[in-house]
Structure formats: structure tokens, C-alpha cells
Amino acid sequence: MEWLSQRCTLLPAAQGCPRPGRGTLLLVVTLSLLMYPVLRSLALQLHSAITGSYVSGTHSIAFINCLNEQIAKDIARAIMDKKLAAYVNILPKSLALYFWKGELEESTEILLLVKTRTSKIGELSNYVRSIHPFEIPEIISLPIDQGNPLYLKWIEESVPRD
């Protein structure tokens, strides 16, 4: 208790002990807000590990459009060789309408559906951009909310952690 009396000497009752400043309070609130996503993620992973339940958004499906079937096969194989996905569907030709440099364009494209860990989406996107022939390739991902637990576990086992 001696250390307390050294830190907060008894002052007249009206003054009391000094309180932390606004800067300290702001720092604590800011750090709490910044740490929330990390703490939430760790709590969900711990819950999943204990209960064996699936955490929504752990895996994602990425959509990647390709000019033709050969390019689609090459990109799909390259993704698989780098172990950036557990599974890639190559869907048949589809008609695409889009604006490019102010003009309405029409083309046929091949769509890749890439099943992977959500944590791999950034790496997947960077890699595909580096090998894709389009100036601005379409790479869009959506988190998987639910699914067959055995299939989702298989994705997890097939794609290495970061």
C-alpha cells in the first residue's frame, strides 16, 4: 500500500486523485476498436475448434473470367499448382456485355469458380492478375456462409494455411 500513497498523495477532498487524461482515454478506445476484429476472429476460431462447427466466411468462392477455354485451363492449373485453391470449376462459354473505355462491348467468356480459404483471396487475386492476359481481369470473391461440413473441411485440408 505504500506505493499507492506515493502515486496518489492525499490532497484536499475537493481535489482527489488525478484522473487519466483525455488522450489516454482516446488511446484506450482506439486500441479497443482496432483490436476488435482480431479478437473476434480468434474467439470464432476457438469456438469452431472446440465445438467442431463451421465459422461462416472461413472459405470463399472466387469468380474469374477468361477469354477462352485454353486460357481458363492454364489459369486454373496454375492456381492449383500453387495450392491456392482446393477446387476450380471451368464453366462453359457465356455471353458478356460490358462497358470498356466508354464503349459497349460483347464477348464470350469462360468462368472459373475457385473454392479456397478466405485468407488466400488476396494472394489468389495478386497471382491471377500477374498471369491473366486481361488488362483488368475480373476477380470477385464471395464468402461461403454455409455448406456441407465434410466438403468445407476438405477445402480446409486441401489449401495450406498462410
Protein backbone atom coordinates (compact mmCIF):
# COMPACT_ATOMS: atom_id res chain seq x y z
CA MET A 1 0.00 0.00 0.00
CA GLU A 2 2.98 2.26 0.37
CA TRP A 3 3.38 2.57 -3.40
CA LEU A 4 -0.23 3.83 -3.63
CA SER A 5 0.43 6.64 -1.21
CA GLN A 6 3.47 7.61 -3.27
CA ARG A 7 1.47 7.67 -6.53
CA CYS A 8 -1.57 9.47 -5.18
CA THR A 9 -0.70 11.70 -2.30
CA LEU A 10 -3.59 12.74 -0.18
CA LEU A 11 -4.89 16.03 -1.39
CA PRO A 12 -7.71 18.12 -0.04
CA ALA A 13 -11.02 16.29 -0.54
CA ALA A 14 -12.11 18.62 -3.32
CA GLN A 15 -9.13 17.77 -5.49
CA GLY A 16 -8.99 13.95 -5.20
CA CYS A 17 -6.54 11.84 -7.19
CA PRO A 18 -5.69 12.97 -10.69
CA ARG A 19 -7.56 11.10 -13.46
CA PRO A 20 -6.11 9.85 -16.71
CA GLY A 21 -6.21 12.49 -19.40
CA ARG A 22 -8.46 12.53 -22.44
CA GLY A 23 -5.55 11.38 -24.55
CA THR A 24 -5.23 8.20 -22.51
CA LEU A 25 -8.94 7.54 -22.75
CA LEU A 26 -8.87 8.15 -26.51
CA LEU A 27 -5.90 5.79 -26.88
CA VAL A 28 -7.67 3.01 -24.94
CA VAL A 29 -10.88 3.38 -27.01
CA THR A 30 -8.94 3.48 -30.30
CA LEU A 31 -6.90 0.38 -29.45
CA SER A 32 -10.07 -1.45 -28.38
CA LEU A 33 -11.75 -0.67 -31.70
CA LEU A 34 -8.69 -1.67 -33.70
CA MET A 35 -8.29 -4.94 -31.83
CA TYR A 36 -11.97 -5.95 -32.07
CA PRO A 37 -11.71 -7.73 -35.48
CA VAL A 38 -8.63 -9.66 -34.36
CA LEU A 39 -10.16 -10.66 -31.04
CA ARG A 40 -13.47 -11.61 -32.70
CA SER A 41 -11.67 -13.75 -35.27
CA LEU A 42 -9.66 -15.53 -32.56
CA ALA A 43 -12.81 -16.14 -30.50
CA LEU A 44 -14.63 -17.61 -33.51
CA GLN A 45 -11.70 -19.87 -34.36
CA LEU A 46 -11.52 -21.05 -30.77
CA HIS A 47 -15.28 -21.71 -30.72
CA SER A 48 -15.01 -23.62 -34.00
CA ALA A 49 -12.11 -25.72 -32.72
CA ILE A 50 -13.92 -26.60 -29.51
CA THR A 51 -17.37 -27.30 -30.95
CA GLY A 52 -16.38 -28.51 -34.42
CA SER A 53 -18.80 -26.03 -36.00
CA TYR A 54 -18.17 -24.09 -39.21
CA VAL A 55 -17.37 -20.41 -38.94
CA SER A 56 -19.25 -18.54 -41.67
CA GLY A 57 -16.87 -16.86 -44.13
CA THR A 58 -13.86 -19.09 -43.44
CA HIS A 59 -13.94 -20.18 -47.10
CA SER A 60 -14.80 -18.27 -50.26
CA ILE A 61 -15.66 -18.75 -53.91
CA ALA A 62 -13.79 -16.57 -56.36
CA PHE A 63 -15.15 -15.81 -59.83
CA ILE A 64 -12.58 -15.28 -62.57
CA ASN A 65 -13.50 -14.65 -66.21
CA CYS A 66 -11.21 -15.82 -69.02
CA LEU A 67 -11.15 -15.08 -72.74
CA ASN A 68 -11.22 -18.70 -73.89
CA GLU A 69 -11.07 -22.28 -72.69
CA GLN A 70 -7.30 -22.67 -73.08
CA ILE A 71 -6.56 -19.57 -71.00
CA ALA A 72 -9.10 -20.79 -68.40
CA LYS A 73 -7.39 -24.20 -68.20
CA ASP A 74 -3.94 -22.60 -67.92
CA ILE A 75 -5.01 -20.24 -65.14
CA ALA A 76 -6.90 -23.00 -63.30
CA ARG A 77 -3.89 -25.32 -63.44
CA ALA A 78 -1.55 -22.53 -62.28
CA ILE A 79 -3.85 -21.81 -59.31
CA MET A 80 -3.91 -25.50 -58.39
CA ASP A 81 -0.13 -25.89 -58.82
CA LYS A 82 0.41 -23.07 -56.30
CA LYS A 83 -2.13 -24.69 -53.93
CA LEU A 84 -4.20 -21.51 -53.84
CA ALA A 85 -7.45 -23.48 -54.15
CA ALA A 86 -8.96 -26.85 -53.40
CA TYR A 87 -11.17 -26.95 -56.48
CA VAL A 88 -11.69 -25.00 -59.70
CA ASN A 89 -14.74 -25.37 -61.93
CA ILE A 90 -14.36 -24.31 -65.55
CA LEU A 91 -17.83 -23.33 -66.75
CA PRO A 92 -18.71 -23.26 -70.47
CA LYS A 93 -18.95 -20.16 -72.60
CA SER A 94 -21.21 -17.36 -71.52
CA LEU A 95 -22.16 -14.14 -73.26
CA ALA A 96 -20.86 -10.99 -71.59
CA LEU A 97 -21.94 -7.39 -72.12
CA TYR A 98 -19.83 -4.64 -70.55
CA PHE A 99 -18.55 -1.12 -70.99
CA TRP A 100 -14.88 -0.82 -71.89
CA LYS A 101 -13.31 2.59 -72.46
CA GLY A 102 -16.75 4.13 -72.90
CA GLU A 103 -17.99 1.63 -75.49
CA LEU A 104 -20.48 -1.20 -75.07
CA GLU A 105 -18.70 -4.47 -75.77
CA GLU A 106 -19.97 -8.01 -76.28
CA SER A 107 -17.89 -11.17 -75.98
CA THR A 108 -17.95 -14.77 -74.90
CA GLU A 109 -16.02 -15.74 -71.80
CA ILE A 110 -15.24 -18.80 -69.71
CA LEU A 111 -15.93 -18.55 -65.98
CA LEU A 112 -13.76 -20.11 -63.29
CA LEU A 113 -15.30 -20.86 -59.88
CA VAL A 114 -12.45 -21.16 -57.41
CA LYS A 115 -13.06 -22.67 -53.94
CA THR A 116 -10.47 -21.64 -51.38
CA ARG A 117 -9.79 -20.27 -47.91
CA THR A 118 -10.91 -16.67 -47.47
CA SER A 119 -7.43 -15.90 -46.12
CA LYS A 120 -5.99 -16.87 -49.55
CA ILE A 121 -8.14 -14.47 -51.62
CA GLY A 122 -5.56 -11.66 -51.59
CA GLU A 123 -2.74 -13.96 -52.69
CA LEU A 124 -5.01 -15.60 -55.29
CA SER A 125 -6.05 -12.23 -56.69
CA ASN A 126 -2.46 -10.95 -56.92
CA TYR A 127 -1.29 -14.14 -58.60
CA VAL A 128 -4.11 -14.23 -61.15
CA ARG A 129 -3.54 -10.56 -62.03
CA SER A 130 0.12 -11.36 -62.69
CA ILE A 131 -0.68 -14.15 -65.21
CA HIS A 132 -4.04 -13.08 -66.68
CA PRO A 133 -3.99 -11.62 -70.21
CA PHE A 134 -6.77 -9.07 -69.50
CA GLU A 135 -5.68 -5.56 -68.56
CA ILE A 136 -8.22 -5.61 -65.72
CA PRO A 137 -9.25 -9.22 -65.04
CA GLU A 138 -12.49 -9.91 -63.20
CA ILE A 139 -11.63 -11.42 -59.84
CA ILE A 140 -14.53 -11.27 -57.40
CA SER A 141 -14.99 -13.35 -54.27
CA LEU A 142 -17.91 -14.14 -52.01
CA PRO A 143 -17.65 -15.77 -48.59
CA ILE A 144 -19.27 -19.16 -48.11
CA ASP A 145 -21.92 -18.80 -45.42
CA GLN A 146 -22.94 -22.47 -45.14
CA GLY A 147 -22.34 -25.77 -46.84
CA ASN A 148 -21.74 -29.48 -46.46
CA PRO A 149 -19.46 -29.66 -43.39
CA LEU A 150 -17.43 -32.52 -44.90
CA TYR A 151 -16.84 -30.55 -48.13
CA LEU A 152 -15.83 -27.42 -46.22
CA LYS A 153 -13.44 -29.49 -44.10
CA TRP A 154 -11.98 -30.94 -47.30
CA ILE A 155 -11.33 -27.41 -48.63
CA GLU A 156 -9.60 -26.57 -45.36
CA GLU A 157 -7.41 -29.68 -45.57
CA SER A 158 -6.59 -29.13 -49.26
CA VAL A 159 -5.46 -25.50 -49.06
CA PRO A 160 -2.48 -24.85 -46.77
CA ARG A 161 -2.79 -22.15 -44.10
CA ASP A 162 -1.00 -18.87 -44.62
